[in-house]
Amino acid sequence: MMRLSLSLAAAAFLAGCGGVEEDVAVSHDGGHAMSEMAPDAAPAPLPDDGIAPVINVRAAWMRPHPQGRDVTAAYFAASLGAGTADRLVSARIDGADRVELHGHTMDPETGMMQMRPIGPQDIGPAGPLLFAPGGHHLMVFGLDPVVEGQSVSGVLVFERTGEVPVEFDVRSTAPAAAPG
């Protein structure tokens, strides 16, 4: 009975993040590194190539809050408009207590998908940095409930570029221009 309650609790928690049942596949190949290091491990600083990176963000959206919860998930695609590399180190969303970079991993002992914080994520010229349902995402904690049709302001913080303002549209499904 205990294992069933833990499985149900895990399923409810995953639902707040977009869940593993989503059919959006996220490819992390394409030449840029998708770091799986612990969130407290510091990667080596990026080399300065003499070109200030420019980050373009598109298809930023956030799920409405699940009934009675103060946690939700947010997604986006970021690409380099100039420069050779940058690194997403954190994110903030107005009104949220905290925002964490999260990913899904398979627990080899239980065979269940788990969410966990991930470390900084590198972005390079080979392809966009994708945060999409079923893959990497922002976990948003302590935000007052948001509903479909609203938008929420935030920032993505990059190692070299600094703060990049982002407007997250609140919606139940990914926008047509969303990565996937």
Protein backbone atom coordinates (compact mmCIF):
# COMPACT_ATOMS: atom_id res chain seq x y z
CA MET A 1 0.00 0.00 0.00
CA MET A 2 2.88 2.36 0.83
CA ARG A 3 4.44 1.87 -2.65
CA LEU A 4 1.06 2.66 -4.28
CA SER A 5 0.72 5.91 -2.29
CA LEU A 6 4.26 6.93 -3.19
CA SER A 7 3.57 6.16 -6.86
CA LEU A 8 0.35 8.21 -6.77
CA ALA A 9 2.16 11.09 -5.05
CA ALA A 10 4.93 10.93 -7.66
CA ALA A 11 2.36 10.93 -10.47
CA ALA A 12 0.62 13.97 -8.99
CA PHE A 13 3.94 15.80 -8.68
CA LEU A 14 4.91 14.96 -12.26
CA ALA A 15 1.55 16.23 -13.48
CA GLY A 16 2.51 19.65 -12.14
CA CYS A 17 5.61 19.55 -14.31
CA GLY A 18 3.91 18.46 -17.47
CA GLY A 19 4.16 14.79 -16.66
CA VAL A 20 5.89 11.99 -18.41
CA GLU A 21 2.76 11.00 -20.25
CA GLU A 22 3.15 13.90 -22.62
CA ASP A 23 3.88 12.95 -26.21
CA VAL A 24 6.37 15.73 -26.89
CA ALA A 25 9.81 14.28 -27.50
CA VAL A 26 12.74 16.52 -26.75
CA SER A 27 15.96 15.93 -28.58
CA HIS A 28 19.08 17.00 -26.74
CA ASP A 29 21.49 16.29 -29.54
CA GLY A 30 22.41 18.79 -32.21
CA GLY A 31 25.81 19.62 -30.88
CA HIS A 32 25.12 21.56 -27.73
CA ALA A 33 25.77 20.17 -24.29
CA MET A 34 22.83 19.48 -22.03
CA SER A 35 24.53 19.33 -18.66
CA GLU A 36 23.19 16.79 -16.18
CA MET A 37 25.45 17.90 -13.34
CA ALA A 38 24.08 18.53 -9.88
CA PRO A 39 22.59 22.01 -9.47
CA ASP A 40 25.23 22.95 -6.91
CA ALA A 41 28.20 21.84 -9.04
CA ALA A 42 29.83 24.78 -10.77
CA PRO A 43 30.88 24.20 -14.39
CA ALA A 44 34.05 25.77 -15.71
CA PRO A 45 33.48 29.35 -16.93
CA LEU A 46 32.79 29.72 -20.64
CA PRO A 47 35.65 31.07 -22.73
CA ASP A 48 35.36 34.68 -23.85
CA ASP A 49 35.35 34.65 -27.66
CA GLY A 50 35.27 38.46 -27.81
CA ILE A 51 31.68 38.50 -29.12
CA ALA A 52 28.91 39.45 -26.73
CA PRO A 53 26.28 36.73 -26.98
CA VAL A 54 22.73 37.66 -27.95
CA ILE A 55 20.02 35.31 -26.75
CA ASN A 56 16.70 35.03 -28.62
CA VAL A 57 13.81 33.48 -26.67
CA ARG A 58 10.63 32.26 -28.35
CA ALA A 59 7.55 30.17 -27.53
CA ALA A 60 7.71 30.97 -23.79
CA TRP A 61 4.70 29.58 -21.98
CA MET A 62 3.56 28.35 -18.60
CA ARG A 63 0.90 25.87 -17.57
CA PRO A 64 -2.07 27.08 -15.50
CA HIS A 65 -1.84 25.95 -11.89
CA PRO A 66 -3.24 22.53 -11.12
CA GLN A 67 -6.23 22.79 -8.78
CA GLY A 68 -5.14 23.77 -5.28
CA ARG A 69 -1.37 23.76 -6.01
CA ASP A 70 1.16 26.56 -5.94
CA VAL A 71 3.58 24.88 -8.33
CA THR A 72 3.55 24.86 -12.12
CA ALA A 73 5.95 24.42 -15.04
CA ALA A 74 7.22 26.85 -17.68
CA TYR A 75 8.84 26.21 -21.07
CA PHE A 76 10.71 28.07 -23.82
CA ALA A 77 13.24 27.80 -26.63
CA ALA A 78 16.40 29.92 -26.53
CA SER A 79 18.93 30.31 -29.33
CA LEU A 80 22.07 32.32 -29.98
CA GLY A 81 21.60 35.35 -32.22
CA ALA A 82 25.28 36.24 -31.86
CA GLY A 83 28.31 34.76 -30.13
CA THR A 84 29.45 31.17 -29.89
CA ALA A 85 28.30 30.04 -26.45
CA ASP A 86 26.43 30.98 -23.32
CA ARG A 87 24.98 29.15 -20.35
CA LEU A 88 21.58 29.38 -18.69
CA VAL A 89 22.33 29.54 -14.97
CA SER A 90 18.98 30.44 -13.42
CA ALA A 91 15.54 31.93 -13.96
CA ARG A 92 13.16 34.18 -12.05
CA ILE A 93 9.44 34.71 -12.51
CA ASP A 94 7.68 37.72 -11.02
CA GLY A 95 5.72 36.75 -7.93
CA ALA A 96 7.25 33.26 -7.57
CA ASP A 97 9.04 32.21 -4.41
CA ARG A 98 11.60 30.33 -6.47
CA VAL A 99 12.23 28.88 -9.93
CA GLU A 100 14.39 25.81 -10.56
CA LEU A 101 15.80 24.28 -13.74
CA HIS A 102 14.42 20.72 -13.81
CA GLY A 103 14.73 17.59 -15.89
CA HIS A 104 13.32 14.06 -15.95
CA THR A 105 15.45 11.02 -15.20
CA MET A 106 14.71 7.32 -14.86
CA ASP A 107 15.34 5.88 -11.40
CA PRO A 108 17.16 2.60 -12.15
CA GLU A 109 16.02 1.01 -8.87
CA THR A 110 12.28 1.68 -9.23
CA GLY A 111 12.00 2.11 -12.99
CA MET A 112 9.97 5.29 -12.40
CA MET A 113 10.54 8.69 -13.97
CA GLN A 114 11.63 11.34 -11.49
CA MET A 115 12.04 15.07 -11.73
CA ARG A 116 15.06 16.69 -10.21
CA PRO A 117 16.88 19.99 -10.34
CA ILE A 118 19.58 20.14 -13.00
CA GLY A 119 22.65 22.29 -13.31
CA PRO A 120 23.33 25.16 -15.70
CA GLN A 121 22.53 24.43 -19.35
CA ASP A 122 24.90 25.31 -22.20
CA ILE A 123 23.66 26.88 -25.40
CA GLY A 124 25.70 26.91 -28.61
CA PRO A 125 25.34 27.63 -32.33
CA ALA A 126 24.30 24.06 -33.26
CA GLY A 127 20.74 24.40 -32.05
CA PRO A 128 18.34 25.92 -29.56
CA LEU A 129 18.18 25.18 -25.87
CA LEU A 130 14.77 23.53 -25.48
CA PHE A 131 12.69 23.47 -22.33
CA ALA A 132 9.57 21.51 -23.33
CA PRO A 133 7.00 19.14 -21.77
CA GLY A 134 8.48 15.75 -21.05
CA GLY A 135 12.01 17.17 -20.91
CA HIS A 136 13.80 20.08 -19.32
CA HIS A 137 11.48 22.68 -17.80
CA LEU A 138 11.33 25.45 -15.24
CA MET A 139 9.60 24.47 -11.99
CA VAL A 140 7.83 27.52 -10.61
CA PHE A 141 7.11 27.43 -6.87
CA GLY A 142 4.98 29.75 -4.75
CA LEU A 143 3.40 31.73 -7.58
CA ASP A 144 -0.17 32.89 -7.03
CA PRO A 145 -2.48 30.83 -9.27
CA VAL A 146 -2.41 31.78 -12.94
CA VAL A 147 -5.08 30.90 -15.47
CA GLU A 148 -5.20 30.42 -19.21
CA GLY A 149 -4.97 33.72 -21.11
CA GLN A 150 -2.79 35.52 -18.57
CA SER A 151 0.89 36.25 -19.00
CA VAL A 152 3.66 36.35 -16.42
CA SER A 153 6.94 38.27 -16.66
CA GLY A 154 10.27 36.76 -15.80
CA VAL A 155 13.93 36.63 -16.71
CA LEU A 156 16.32 33.94 -17.85
CA VAL A 157 19.79 34.54 -16.42
CA PHE A 158 22.74 33.60 -18.63
CA GLU A 159 26.42 33.46 -17.61
CA ARG A 160 27.65 35.86 -20.30
CA THR A 161 24.53 37.70 -21.51
CA GLY A 162 23.06 38.35 -18.07
CA GLU A 163 19.32 38.82 -17.68
CA VAL A 164 17.03 38.25 -20.65
CA PRO A 165 13.42 39.41 -20.04
CA VAL A 166 10.75 36.85 -20.99
CA GLU A 167 6.96 37.00 -21.09
CA PHE A 168 5.39 33.59 -20.39
CA ASP A 169 1.90 33.08 -21.86
CA VAL A 170 -0.31 30.97 -19.62
CA ARG A 171 -1.87 28.16 -21.63
CA SER A 172 -2.86 24.52 -21.29
CA THR A 173 -1.06 23.39 -24.44
CA ALA A 174 2.13 24.39 -26.19
CA PRO A 175 1.87 27.23 -28.70
CA ALA A 176 2.13 26.32 -32.38
CA ALA A 177 5.64 27.79 -32.52
CA ALA A 178 6.78 25.79 -29.49
CA PRO A 179 9.74 23.45 -29.81
CA GLY A 180 9.09 19.76 -29.90
